[in-house]
PDB file of N, CA and C in Angstrom:
ATOM      1  N   MET A   1     150.492 -60.569  13.811  1.00  0.00           N
ATOM      2  CA  MET A   1     151.460 -60.509  13.599  1.00  0.00           C
ATOM      3  C   MET A   1     152.165 -60.999  15.053  1.00  0.00           C
ATOM      4  N   PRO A   2     152.964 -62.414  15.006  1.00  0.00           N
ATOM      5  CA  PRO A   2     153.727 -62.809  16.262  1.00  0.00           C
ATOM      6  C   PRO A   2     155.101 -62.032  16.399  1.00  0.00           C
ATOM      7  N   LEU A   3     155.020 -62.088  17.522  1.00  0.00           N
ATOM      8  CA  LEU A   3     155.937 -61.214  18.694  1.00  0.00           C
ATOM      9  C   LEU A   3     157.512 -61.974  17.967  1.00  0.00           C
ATOM     10  N   SER A   4     157.372 -62.721  17.680  1.00  0.00           N
ATOM     11  CA  SER A   4     158.718 -63.715  17.420  1.00  0.00           C
ATOM     12  C   SER A   4     159.306 -63.343  15.781  1.00  0.00           C
ATOM     13  N   GLN A   5     158.384 -62.646  15.431  1.00  0.00           N
ATOM     14  CA  GLN A   5     158.722 -62.296  13.821  1.00  0.00           C
ATOM     15  C   GLN A   5     159.651 -61.123  13.580  1.00  0.00           C
ATOM     16  N   GLY A   6     160.942 -61.419  12.956  1.00  0.00           N
ATOM     17  CA  GLY A   6     162.269 -60.481  12.537  1.00  0.00           C
ATOM     18  C   GLY A   6     163.197 -61.043  13.990  1.00  0.00           C
ATOM     19  N   ILE A   7     163.188 -61.582  14.752  1.00  0.00           N
ATOM     20  CA  ILE A   7     164.331 -62.275  15.488  1.00  0.00           C
ATOM     21  C   ILE A   7     164.919 -62.820  14.549  1.00  0.00           C
ATOM     22  N   THR A   8     166.437 -62.571  15.100  1.00  0.00           N
ATOM     23  CA  THR A   8     167.406 -63.720  14.091  1.00  0.00           C
ATOM     24  C   THR A   8     167.795 -64.636  14.769  1.00  0.00           C
ATOM     25  N   VAL A   9     167.983 -64.127  16.791  1.00  0.00           N
ATOM     26  CA  VAL A   9     168.707 -65.276  17.756  1.00  0.00           C
ATOM     27  C   VAL A   9     168.256 -66.328  17.378  1.00  0.00           C
ATOM     28  N   ASP A  10     169.331 -67.152  17.884  1.00  0.00           N
ATOM     29  CA  ASP A  10     167.572 -68.549  18.063  1.00  0.00           C
ATOM     30  C   ASP A  10     167.535 -68.786  19.907  1.00  0.00           C
ATOM     31  N   PRO A  11     166.168 -69.357  19.748  1.00  0.00           N
ATOM     32  CA  PRO A  11     165.435 -69.279  20.661  1.00  0.00           C
ATOM     33  C   PRO A  11     165.607 -70.038  22.296  1.00  0.00           C
ATOM     34  N   GLU A  12     166.853 -70.982  22.272  1.00  0.00           N
ATOM     35  CA  GLU A  12     167.685 -71.188  23.149  1.00  0.00           C
ATOM     36  C   GLU A  12     168.924 -69.923  23.987  1.00  0.00           C
ATOM     37  N   ASP A  13     168.810 -68.569  23.040  1.00  0.00           N
ATOM     38  CA  ASP A  13     169.747 -68.027  23.993  1.00  0.00           C
ATOM     39  C   ASP A  13     169.375 -66.918  24.483  1.00  0.00           C
ATOM     40  N   PRO A  14     169.853 -66.323  25.671  1.00  0.00           N
ATOM     41  CA  PRO A  14     168.853 -65.602  26.808  1.00  0.00           C
ATOM     42  C   PRO A  14     168.545 -64.064  25.806  1.00  0.00           C
ATOM     43  N   GLN A  15     169.819 -63.820  24.667  1.00  0.00           N
ATOM     44  CA  GLN A  15     169.135 -62.691  24.045  1.00  0.00           C
ATOM     45  C   GLN A  15     167.811 -62.660  23.520  1.00  0.00           C
ATOM     46  N   TYR A  16     167.620 -63.599  23.191  1.00  0.00           N
ATOM     47  CA  TYR A  16     166.102 -63.932  23.012  1.00  0.00           C
ATOM     48  C   TYR A  16     165.281 -63.804  23.854  1.00  0.00           C
ATOM     49  N   LYS A  17     165.329 -64.091  24.919  1.00  0.00           N
ATOM     50  CA  LYS A  17     164.224 -63.807  26.229  1.00  0.00           C
ATOM     51  C   LYS A  17     164.279 -62.383  26.323  1.00  0.00           C
ATOM     52  N   GLN A  18     165.437 -62.055  26.356  1.00  0.00           N
ATOM     53  CA  GLN A  18     165.392 -60.333  25.983  1.00  0.00           C
ATOM     54  C   GLN A  18     165.143 -59.392  25.095  1.00  0.00           C
ATOM     55  N   ILE A  19     164.882 -59.808  24.118  1.00  0.00           N
ATOM     56  CA  ILE A  19     164.371 -59.241  23.226  1.00  0.00           C
ATOM     57  C   ILE A  19     162.751 -59.175  22.965  1.00  0.00           C
ATOM     58  N   MET A  20     162.311 -60.391  23.631  1.00  0.00           N
ATOM     59  CA  MET A  20     160.904 -60.999  23.517  1.00  0.00           C
ATOM     60  C   MET A  20     160.184 -60.215  24.745  1.00  0.00           C
ATOM     61  N   ALA A  21     161.022 -60.017  25.868  1.00  0.00           N
ATOM     62  CA  ALA A  21     160.542 -59.506  27.232  1.00  0.00           C
ATOM     63  C   ALA A  21     160.045 -57.676  26.291  1.00  0.00           C
ATOM     64  N   LYS A  22     161.422 -56.838  26.063  1.00  0.00           N
ATOM     65  CA  LYS A  22     161.270 -55.693  25.558  1.00  0.00           C
ATOM     66  C   LYS A  22     160.115 -55.787  24.272  1.00  0.00           C
ATOM     67  N   LYS A  23     159.791 -56.292  23.498  1.00  0.00           N
ATOM     68  CA  LYS A  23     158.795 -57.088  22.983  1.00  0.00           C
ATOM     69  C   LYS A  23     157.473 -56.994  23.460  1.00  0.00           C
ATOM     70  N   ALA A  24     156.887 -57.879  24.213  1.00  0.00           N
ATOM     71  CA  ALA A  24     156.017 -57.508  24.921  1.00  0.00           C
ATOM     72  C   ALA A  24     155.630 -56.028  25.673  1.00  0.00           C
ATOM     73  N   ASN A  25     157.069 -55.558  26.678  1.00  0.00           N
ATOM     74  CA  ASN A  25     156.524 -54.715  27.243  1.00  0.00           C
ATOM     75  C   ASN A  25     156.140 -53.202  26.265  1.00  0.00           C
ATOM     76  N   ILE A  26     156.743 -53.613  24.967  1.00  0.00           N
ATOM     77  CA  ILE A  26     156.515 -52.713  24.344  1.00  0.00           C
ATOM     78  C   ILE A  26     154.851 -52.740  24.038  1.00  0.00           C
ATOM     79  N   LEU A  27     154.285 -53.965  23.573  1.00  0.00           N
ATOM     80  CA  LEU A  27     153.056 -54.035  23.621  1.00  0.00           C
ATOM     81  C   LEU A  27     151.864 -53.917  24.765  1.00  0.00           C
ATOM     82  N   ALA A  28     152.456 -53.603  25.819  1.00  0.00           N
ATOM     83  CA  ALA A  28     151.994 -54.078  27.110  1.00  0.00           C
ATOM     84  C   ALA A  28     151.623 -52.430  27.551  1.00  0.00           C
ATOM     85  N   ASP A  29     152.709 -51.664  27.050  1.00  0.00           N
ATOM     86  CA  ASP A  29     152.573 -49.457  26.772  1.00  0.00           C
ATOM     87  C   ASP A  29     151.619 -49.676  25.597  1.00  0.00           C
ATOM     88  N   ALA A  30     151.325 -49.765  24.118  1.00  0.00           N
ATOM     89  CA  ALA A  30     150.881 -49.470  23.355  1.00  0.00           C
ATOM     90  C   ALA A  30     149.462 -49.976  23.894  1.00  0.00           C
ATOM     91  N   LEU A  31     148.869 -50.672  24.284  1.00  0.00           N
ATOM     92  CA  LEU A  31     147.804 -51.047  25.085  1.00  0.00           C
ATOM     93  C   LEU A  31     147.335 -50.452  25.984  1.00  0.00           C
ATOM     94  N   PHE A  32     148.204 -50.208  26.934  1.00  0.00           N
ATOM     95  CA  PHE A  32     147.777 -48.859  28.246  1.00  0.00           C
ATOM     96  C   PHE A  32     147.335 -47.521  27.482  1.00  0.00           C
ATOM     97  N   GLY A  33     148.588 -47.657  26.612  1.00  0.00           N
ATOM     98  CA  GLY A  33     148.073 -45.830  26.175  1.00  0.00           C
ATOM     99  C   GLY A  33     146.577 -46.267  25.308  1.00  0.00           C
ATOM    100  N   ALA A  34     147.001 -46.895  24.531  1.00  0.00           N
ATOM    101  CA  ALA A  34     144.925 -46.808  23.747  1.00  0.00           C
ATOM    102  C   ALA A  34     144.273 -47.210  24.633  1.00  0.00           C
ATOM    103  N   ARG A  35     144.298 -47.670  25.461  1.00  0.00           N
ATOM    104  CA  ARG A  35     142.984 -47.444  26.688  1.00  0.00           C
ATOM    105  C   ARG A  35     143.426 -46.018  27.551  1.00  0.00           C
ATOM    106  N   VAL A  36     143.825 -46.104  27.683  1.00  0.00           N
ATOM    107  CA  VAL A  36     144.341 -44.445  28.585  1.00  0.00           C
ATOM    108  C   VAL A  36     143.642 -43.483  27.625  1.00  0.00           C
ATOM    109  N   LEU A  37     144.127 -43.565  26.671  1.00  0.00           N
ATOM    110  CA  LEU A  37     143.506 -42.551  25.384  1.00  0.00           C
ATOM    111  C   LEU A  37     141.799 -42.574  24.711  1.00  0.00           C
ATOM    112  N   GLN A  38     141.036 -43.695  24.933  1.00  0.00           N
ATOM    113  CA  GLN A  38     140.023 -44.203  24.627  1.00  0.00           C
ATOM    114  C   GLN A  38     139.647 -43.720  25.835  1.00  0.00           C
ATOM    115  N   THR A  39     139.837 -43.559  27.553  1.00  0.00           N
ATOM    116  CA  THR A  39     138.912 -43.302  28.220  1.00  0.00           C
ATOM    117  C   THR A  39     139.306 -42.030  28.434  1.00  0.00           C
ATOM    118  N   GLY A  40     139.917 -41.155  28.208  1.00  0.00           N
ATOM    119  CA  GLY A  40     139.970 -39.558  27.605  1.00  0.00           C
ATOM    120  C   GLY A  40     138.629 -39.382  26.973  1.00  0.00           C
ATOM    121  N   VAL A  41     139.299 -40.130  25.583  1.00  0.00           N
ATOM    122  CA  VAL A  41     138.234 -39.597  24.763  1.00  0.00           C
ATOM    123  C   VAL A  41     136.424 -39.656  25.067  1.00  0.00           C
ATOM    124  N   GLU A  42     136.424 -40.946  25.915  1.00  0.00           N
ATOM    125  CA  GLU A  42     134.875 -41.163  26.619  1.00  0.00           C
ATOM    126  C   GLU A  42     134.845 -39.676  27.542  1.00  0.00           C
ATOM    127  N   SER A  43     135.788 -39.438  28.082  1.00  0.00           N
ATOM    128  CA  SER A  43     135.307 -38.423  29.461  1.00  0.00           C
ATOM    129  C   SER A  43     135.040 -37.428  28.536  1.00  0.00           C
ATOM    130  N   ALA A  44     135.669 -36.818  27.318  1.00  0.00           N
ATOM    131  CA  ALA A  44     135.022 -35.636  26.709  1.00  0.00           C
ATOM    132  C   ALA A  44     133.983 -35.618  26.245  1.00  0.00           C
ATOM    133  N   VAL A  45     133.638 -37.020  25.382  1.00  0.00           N
ATOM    134  CA  VAL A  45     132.280 -36.816  25.203  1.00  0.00           C
ATOM    135  C   VAL A  45     131.396 -36.318  26.171  1.00  0.00           C
ATOM    136  N   ALA A  46     131.242 -37.226  27.092  1.00  0.00           N
ATOM    137  CA  ALA A  46     130.522 -37.185  28.402  1.00  0.00           C
ATOM    138  C   ALA A  46     130.482 -35.338  28.768  1.00  0.00           C
ATOM    139  N   ALA A  47     131.867 -34.944  28.891  1.00  0.00           N
ATOM    140  CA  ALA A  47     131.825 -33.716  29.576  1.00  0.00           C
ATOM    141  C   ALA A  47     131.311 -32.827  28.532  1.00  0.00           C
ATOM    142  N   THR A  48     131.075 -33.564  27.261  1.00  0.00           N
ATOM    143  CA  THR A  48     130.488 -31.974  26.443  1.00  0.00           C
ATOM    144  C   THR A  48     128.744 -32.252  26.098  1.00  0.00           C
ATOM    145  N   LYS A  49     128.246 -33.509  26.675  1.00  0.00           N
ATOM    146  CA  LYS A  49     127.289 -33.568  26.235  1.00  0.00           C
ATOM    147  C   LYS A  49     126.527 -33.014  28.052  1.00  0.00           C
ATOM    148  N   VAL A  50     127.329 -33.349  28.948  1.00  0.00           N
ATOM    149  CA  VAL A  50     126.759 -32.433  29.818  1.00  0.00           C
ATOM    150  C   VAL A  50     126.699 -30.501  29.705  1.00  0.00           C
ATOM    151  N   VAL A  51     127.859 -29.966  29.233  1.00  0.00           N
ATOM    152  CA  VAL A  51     127.861 -28.696  28.821  1.00  0.00           C
ATOM    153  C   VAL A  51     127.177 -28.358  28.210  1.00  0.00           C
ATOM    154  N   TYR A  52     126.238 -29.133  26.600  1.00  0.00           N
ATOM    155  CA  TYR A  52     125.367 -29.098  25.987  1.00  0.00           C
ATOM    156  C   TYR A  52     123.908 -29.393  26.632  1.00  0.00           C
ATOM    157  N   LEU A  53     124.067 -30.042  27.679  1.00  0.00           N
ATOM    158  CA  LEU A  53     123.161 -29.898  28.108  1.00  0.00           C
ATOM    159  C   LEU A  53     122.140 -29.076  29.267  1.00  0.00           C
ATOM    160  N   PHE A  54     123.045 -27.985  29.573  1.00  0.00           N
ATOM    161  CA  PHE A  54     122.660 -27.616  30.778  1.00  0.00           C
ATOM    162  C   PHE A  54     122.801 -26.512  30.029  1.00  0.00           C
ATOM    163  N   SER A  55     123.701 -26.033  29.017  1.00  0.00           N
ATOM    164  CA  SER A  55     124.057 -24.931  27.762  1.00  0.00           C
ATOM    165  C   SER A  55     122.866 -24.175  27.496  1.00  0.00           C
ATOM    166  N   GLY A  56     121.570 -25.053  27.581  1.00  0.00           N
ATOM    167  CA  GLY A  56     120.325 -24.609  26.901  1.00  0.00           C
ATOM    168  C   GLY A  56     120.371 -25.120  25.144  1.00  0.00           C
ATOM    169  N   ALA A  57     121.930 -24.882  24.643  1.00  0.00           N
ATOM    170  CA  ALA A  57     121.537 -25.525  23.220  1.00  0.00           C
ATOM    171  C   ALA A  57     120.807 -26.552  22.578  1.00  0.00           C
ATOM    172  N   GLY A  58     120.223 -26.886  23.471  1.00  0.00           N
ATOM    173  CA  GLY A  58     119.243 -27.781  23.190  1.00  0.00           C
ATOM    174  C   GLY A  58     117.960 -27.107  22.655  1.00  0.00           C
ATOM    175  N   THR A  59     117.573 -26.492  23.591  1.00  0.00           N
ATOM    176  CA  THR A  59     116.207 -26.273  23.603  1.00  0.00           C
ATOM    177  C   THR A  59     116.563 -24.992  22.073  1.00  0.00           C
ATOM    178  N   ILE A  60     117.952 -24.135  21.870  1.00  0.00           N
ATOM    179  CA  ILE A  60     117.846 -23.652  20.457  1.00  0.00           C
ATOM    180  C   ILE A  60     118.249 -24.109  19.241  1.00  0.00           C
ATOM    181  N   THR A  61     118.860 -25.445  19.363  1.00  0.00           N
ATOM    182  CA  THR A  61     118.888 -26.022  18.038  1.00  0.00           C
ATOM    183  C   THR A  61     117.758 -27.048  17.664  1.00  0.00           C
ATOM    184  N   GLY A  62     116.691 -27.026  19.209  1.00  0.00           N
ATOM    185  CA  GLY A  62     115.248 -27.136  18.729  1.00  0.00           C
ATOM    186  C   GLY A  62     114.258 -26.468  17.783  1.00  0.00           C
ATOM    187  N   VAL A  63     114.615 -25.475  18.700  1.00  0.00           N
ATOM    188  CA  VAL A  63     113.587 -24.367  17.772  1.00  0.00           C
ATOM    189  C   VAL A  63     114.104 -24.300  16.077  1.00  0.00           C
ATOM    190  N   LEU A  64     114.906 -24.424  16.116  1.00  0.00           N
ATOM    191  CA  LEU A  64     116.405 -24.028  14.776  1.00  0.00           C
ATOM    192  C   LEU A  64     115.886 -25.440  13.871  1.00  0.00           C
ATOM    193  N   SER A  65     115.069 -26.856  14.447  1.00  0.00           N
ATOM    194  CA  SER A  65     115.574 -27.632  13.889  1.00  0.00           C
ATOM    195  C   SER A  65     114.701 -28.044  12.590  1.00  0.00           C
ATOM    196  N   LYS A  66     114.557 -28.609  11.764  1.00  0.00           N
ATOM    197  CA  LYS A  66     113.210 -28.429  10.743  1.00  0.00           C
ATOM    198  C   LYS A  66     112.495 -28.476  11.047  1.00  0.00           C
ATOM    199  N   ASN A  67     111.982 -29.917  11.892  1.00  0.00           N
ATOM    200  CA  ASN A  67     110.723 -30.394  12.237  1.00  0.00           C
ATOM    201  C   ASN A  67     110.345 -28.813  12.738  1.00  0.00           C
ATOM    202  N   SER A  68     110.747 -28.386  13.744  1.00  0.00           N
ATOM    203  CA  SER A  68     110.077 -27.655  14.713  1.00  0.00           C
ATOM    204  C   SER A  68     109.704 -26.602  13.722  1.00  0.00           C
ATOM    205  N   ARG A  69     110.324 -26.034  13.011  1.00  0.00           N
ATOM    206  CA  ARG A  69     110.106 -24.977  11.923  1.00  0.00           C
ATOM    207  C   ARG A  69     108.718 -25.380  11.259  1.00  0.00           C
ATOM    208  N   GLN A  70     108.821 -26.538  10.213  1.00  0.00           N
ATOM    209  CA  GLN A  70     107.566 -27.056   9.945  1.00  0.00           C
ATOM    210  C   GLN A  70     106.341 -26.711  10.670  1.00  0.00           C
ATOM    211  N   GLU A  71     106.113 -27.022  11.819  1.00  0.00           N
ATOM    212  CA  GLU A  71     105.420 -27.422  12.947  1.00  0.00           C
ATOM    213  C   GLU A  71     104.584 -26.150  13.363  1.00  0.00           C
ATOM    214  N   ALA A  72     105.435 -25.402  13.387  1.00  0.00           N
ATOM    215  CA  ALA A  72     105.573 -23.582  13.994  1.00  0.00           C
ATOM    216  C   ALA A  72     104.950 -23.206  12.622  1.00  0.00           C
ATOM    217  N   PHE A  73     105.461 -23.586  11.185  1.00  0.00           N
ATOM    218  CA  PHE A  73     103.996 -22.816   9.827  1.00  0.00           C
ATOM    219  C   PHE A  73     102.956 -23.780   9.794  1.00  0.00           C
ATOM    220  N   VAL A  74     102.523 -25.085  10.375  1.00  0.00           N
ATOM    221  CA  VAL A  74     101.622 -26.005  10.543  1.00  0.00           C
ATOM    222  C   VAL A  74     100.562 -25.142  11.229  1.00  0.00           C
ATOM    223  N   ASN A  75     101.000 -24.901  12.233  1.00  0.00           N
ATOM    224  CA  ASN A  75     100.458 -24.263  13.406  1.00  0.00           C
ATOM    225  C   ASN A  75     100.391 -22.934  12.904  1.00  0.00           C
ATOM    226  N   ASN A  76     100.612 -21.921  12.471  1.00  0.00           N
ATOM    227  CA  ASN A  76     100.434 -20.539  12.012  1.00  0.00           C
ATOM    228  C   ASN A  76      99.626 -20.809  11.211  1.00  0.00           C
ATOM    229  N   VAL A  77      99.370 -21.672  10.043  1.00  0.00           N
ATOM    230  CA  VAL A  77      98.161 -21.749   8.836  1.00  0.00           C
ATOM    231  C   VAL A  77      97.236 -22.065   9.185  1.00  0.00           C
ATOM    232  N   LEU A  78      97.450 -23.023  10.685  1.00  0.00           N
ATOM    233  CA  LEU A  78      95.902 -23.381  10.895  1.00  0.00           C
ATOM    234  C   LEU A  78      95.583 -22.062  11.907  1.00  0.00           C
ATOM    235  N   ASP A  79      96.213 -21.591  12.926  1.00  0.00           N
ATOM    236  CA  ASP A  79      95.506 -20.252  13.287  1.00  0.00           C
ATOM    237  C   ASP A  79      95.082 -19.511  12.279  1.00  0.00           C
ATOM    238  N   GLN A  80      95.452 -19.169  11.333  1.00  0.00           N
ATOM    239  CA  GLN A  80      95.055 -17.916  10.357  1.00  0.00           C
ATOM    240  C   GLN A  80      93.392 -18.579   9.761  1.00  0.00           C
ATOM    241  N   LEU A  81      93.357 -20.131   8.955  1.00  0.00           N
ATOM    242  CA  LEU A  81      92.586 -20.611   9.063  1.00  0.00           C
ATOM    243  C   LEU A  81      91.455 -20.604   9.653  1.00  0.00           C
ATOM    244  N   ALA A  82      91.243 -21.141  10.862  1.00  0.00           N
ATOM    245  CA  ALA A  82      90.482 -21.047  12.100  1.00  0.00           C
ATOM    246  C   ALA A  82      89.776 -19.484  12.410  1.00  0.00           C
ATOM    247  N   VAL A  83      90.625 -18.591  11.942  1.00  0.00           N
ATOM    248  CA  VAL A  83      90.305 -17.017  11.789  1.00  0.00           C
ATOM    249  C   VAL A  83      89.350 -16.634  11.335  1.00  0.00           C
ATOM    250  N   ALA A  84      90.189 -17.233  10.243  1.00  0.00           N
ATOM    251  CA  ALA A  84      89.202 -16.914   8.514  1.00  0.00           C
ATOM    252  C   ALA A  84      87.491 -17.535   8.990  1.00  0.00           C
ATOM    253  N   ALA A  85      87.564 -18.595   9.478  1.00  0.00           N
ATOM    254  CA  ALA A  85      86.546 -19.629   9.456  1.00  0.00           C
ATOM    255  C   ALA A  85      85.292 -19.378  10.273  1.00  0.00           C
ATOM    256  N   GLU A  86      86.121 -18.711  11.528  1.00  0.00           N
ATOM    257  CA  GLU A  86      85.131 -17.486  12.684  1.00  0.00           C
ATOM    258  C   GLU A  86      85.744 -16.665  13.133  1.00  0.00           C
ATOM    259  N   PRO A  87      85.894 -15.419  12.139  1.00  0.00           N
ATOM    260  CA  PRO A  87      86.496 -13.930  12.476  1.00  0.00           C
ATOM    261  C   PRO A  87      86.005 -13.271  13.827  1.00  0.00           C
ATOM    262  N   GLY A  88      84.949 -13.935  14.574  1.00  0.00           N
ATOM    263  CA  GLY A  88      84.185 -13.478  15.593  1.00  0.00           C
ATOM    264  C   GLY A  88      84.529 -14.146  16.900  1.00  0.00           C
ATOM    265  N   ALA A  89      85.211 -15.345  16.380  1.00  0.00           N
ATOM    266  CA  ALA A  89      85.219 -16.996  17.643  1.00  0.00           C
ATOM    267  C   ALA A  89      86.203 -16.086  19.028  1.00  0.00           C
ATOM    268  N   SER A  90      86.270 -17.060  19.999  1.00  0.00           N
ATOM    269  CA  SER A  90      87.142 -16.541  21.142  1.00  0.00           C
ATOM    270  C   SER A  90      87.951 -17.939  21.059  1.00  0.00           C
ATOM    271  N   ALA A  91      88.969 -17.226  22.102  1.00  0.00           N
ATOM    272  CA  ALA A  91      90.261 -18.273  21.890  1.00  0.00           C
ATOM    273  C   ALA A  91      90.110 -19.139  22.075  1.00  0.00           C
ATOM    274  N   HIS A  92      88.776 -20.162  22.805  1.00  0.00           N
ATOM    275  CA  HIS A  92      88.228 -21.219  22.677  1.00  0.00           C
ATOM    276  C   HIS A  92      88.109 -22.242  21.733  1.00  0.00           C
ATOM    277  N   GLU A  93      87.270 -21.232  21.015  1.00  0.00           N
ATOM    278  CA  GLU A  93      86.489 -21.601  19.707  1.00  0.00           C
ATOM    279  C   GLU A  93      87.593 -21.988  18.714  1.00  0.00           C
ATOM    280  N   LEU A  94      88.341 -21.408  18.837  1.00  0.00           N
ATOM    281  CA  LEU A  94      89.551 -21.430  17.561  1.00  0.00           C
ATOM    282  C   LEU A  94      90.529 -22.332  17.652  1.00  0.00           C
ATOM    283  N   THR A  95      90.302 -22.630  18.934  1.00  0.00           N
ATOM    284  CA  THR A  95      91.180 -24.170  19.678  1.00  0.00           C
ATOM    285  C   THR A  95      90.379 -25.314  19.518  1.00  0.00           C
ATOM    286  N   ARG A  96      88.993 -25.263  19.402  1.00  0.00           N
ATOM    287  CA  ARG A  96      88.330 -26.354  18.889  1.00  0.00           C
ATOM    288  C   ARG A  96      88.443 -26.795  17.289  1.00  0.00           C
ATOM    289  N   LEU A  97      88.365 -25.226  16.465  1.00  0.00           N
ATOM    290  CA  LEU A  97      88.576 -25.611  14.907  1.00  0.00           C
ATOM    291  C   LEU A  97      89.520 -25.819  14.534  1.00  0.00           C
ATOM    292  N   LYS A  98      91.183 -25.788  15.245  1.00  0.00           N
ATOM    293  CA  LYS A  98      92.207 -26.346  15.076  1.00  0.00           C
ATOM    294  C   LYS A  98      92.199 -28.128  14.848  1.00  0.00           C
ATOM    295  N   ARG A  99      91.499 -28.057  16.124  1.00  0.00           N
ATOM    296  CA  ARG A  99      91.556 -29.816  16.216  1.00  0.00           C
ATOM    297  C   ARG A  99      90.517 -30.057  15.624  1.00  0.00           C
ATOM    298  N   VAL A 100      90.046 -29.850  14.754  1.00  0.00           N
ATOM    299  CA  VAL A 100      89.068 -30.668  13.901  1.00  0.00           C
ATOM    300  C   VAL A 100      89.439 -30.388  12.703  1.00  0.00           C
ATOM    301  N   ALA A 101      90.622 -30.023  12.265  1.00  0.00           N
ATOM    302  CA  ALA A 101      91.433 -29.780  11.144  1.00  0.00           C
ATOM    303  C   ALA A 101      91.679 -31.101  10.633  1.00  0.00           C
ATOM    304  N   PRO A 102      91.823 -31.278   9.221  1.00  0.00           N
ATOM    305  CA  PRO A 102      92.368 -32.878   8.729  1.00  0.00           C
ATOM    306  C   PRO A 102      93.616 -33.093   9.470  1.00  0.00           C
ATOM    307  N   VAL A 103      94.235 -34.233   9.497  1.00  0.00           N
ATOM    308  CA  VAL A 103      94.939 -34.664  10.186  1.00  0.00           C
ATOM    309  C   VAL A 103      96.145 -34.828   9.216  1.00  0.00           C
ATOM    310  N   HIS A 104      96.135 -34.585   7.675  1.00  0.00           N
ATOM    311  CA  HIS A 104      97.238 -34.449   6.971  1.00  0.00           C
ATOM    312  C   HIS A 104      97.985 -32.463   7.089  1.00  0.00           C
ATOM    313  N   LEU A 105      97.159 -31.611   7.970  1.00  0.00           N
ATOM    314  CA  LEU A 105      97.439 -30.783   7.940  1.00  0.00           C
ATOM    315  C   LEU A 105      98.109 -30.259   9.737  1.00  0.00           C
ATOM    316  N   ARG A 106      98.003 -31.347  10.639  1.00  0.00           N
ATOM    317  CA  ARG A 106      98.604 -31.195  11.031  1.00  0.00           C
ATOM    318  C   ARG A 106      99.768 -31.848  11.660  1.00  0.00           C
TER     319      ARG A 106
END
């Protein structure tokens, strides 16, 4: 949209220059305001990330994530299978048994 759109004054008239200057100022103010708003949003996002990292929420959400729960379930099943395979085995032997479990179970 050109700045001169909607101006009915003759381009040679001094009032035309005033109108164009006002429109240019409004455009510059809008661009400046948008940049300030963008910087503010970026700062808020960065601050939120810092608070999230230092709050320990990342650890909590990691524990609650679907993949973590699935891994914990598989490890629990492997523990139970290892104990069932060798009821009197030591912790070291149970760890060895879990390592030789088929890959699709891990």
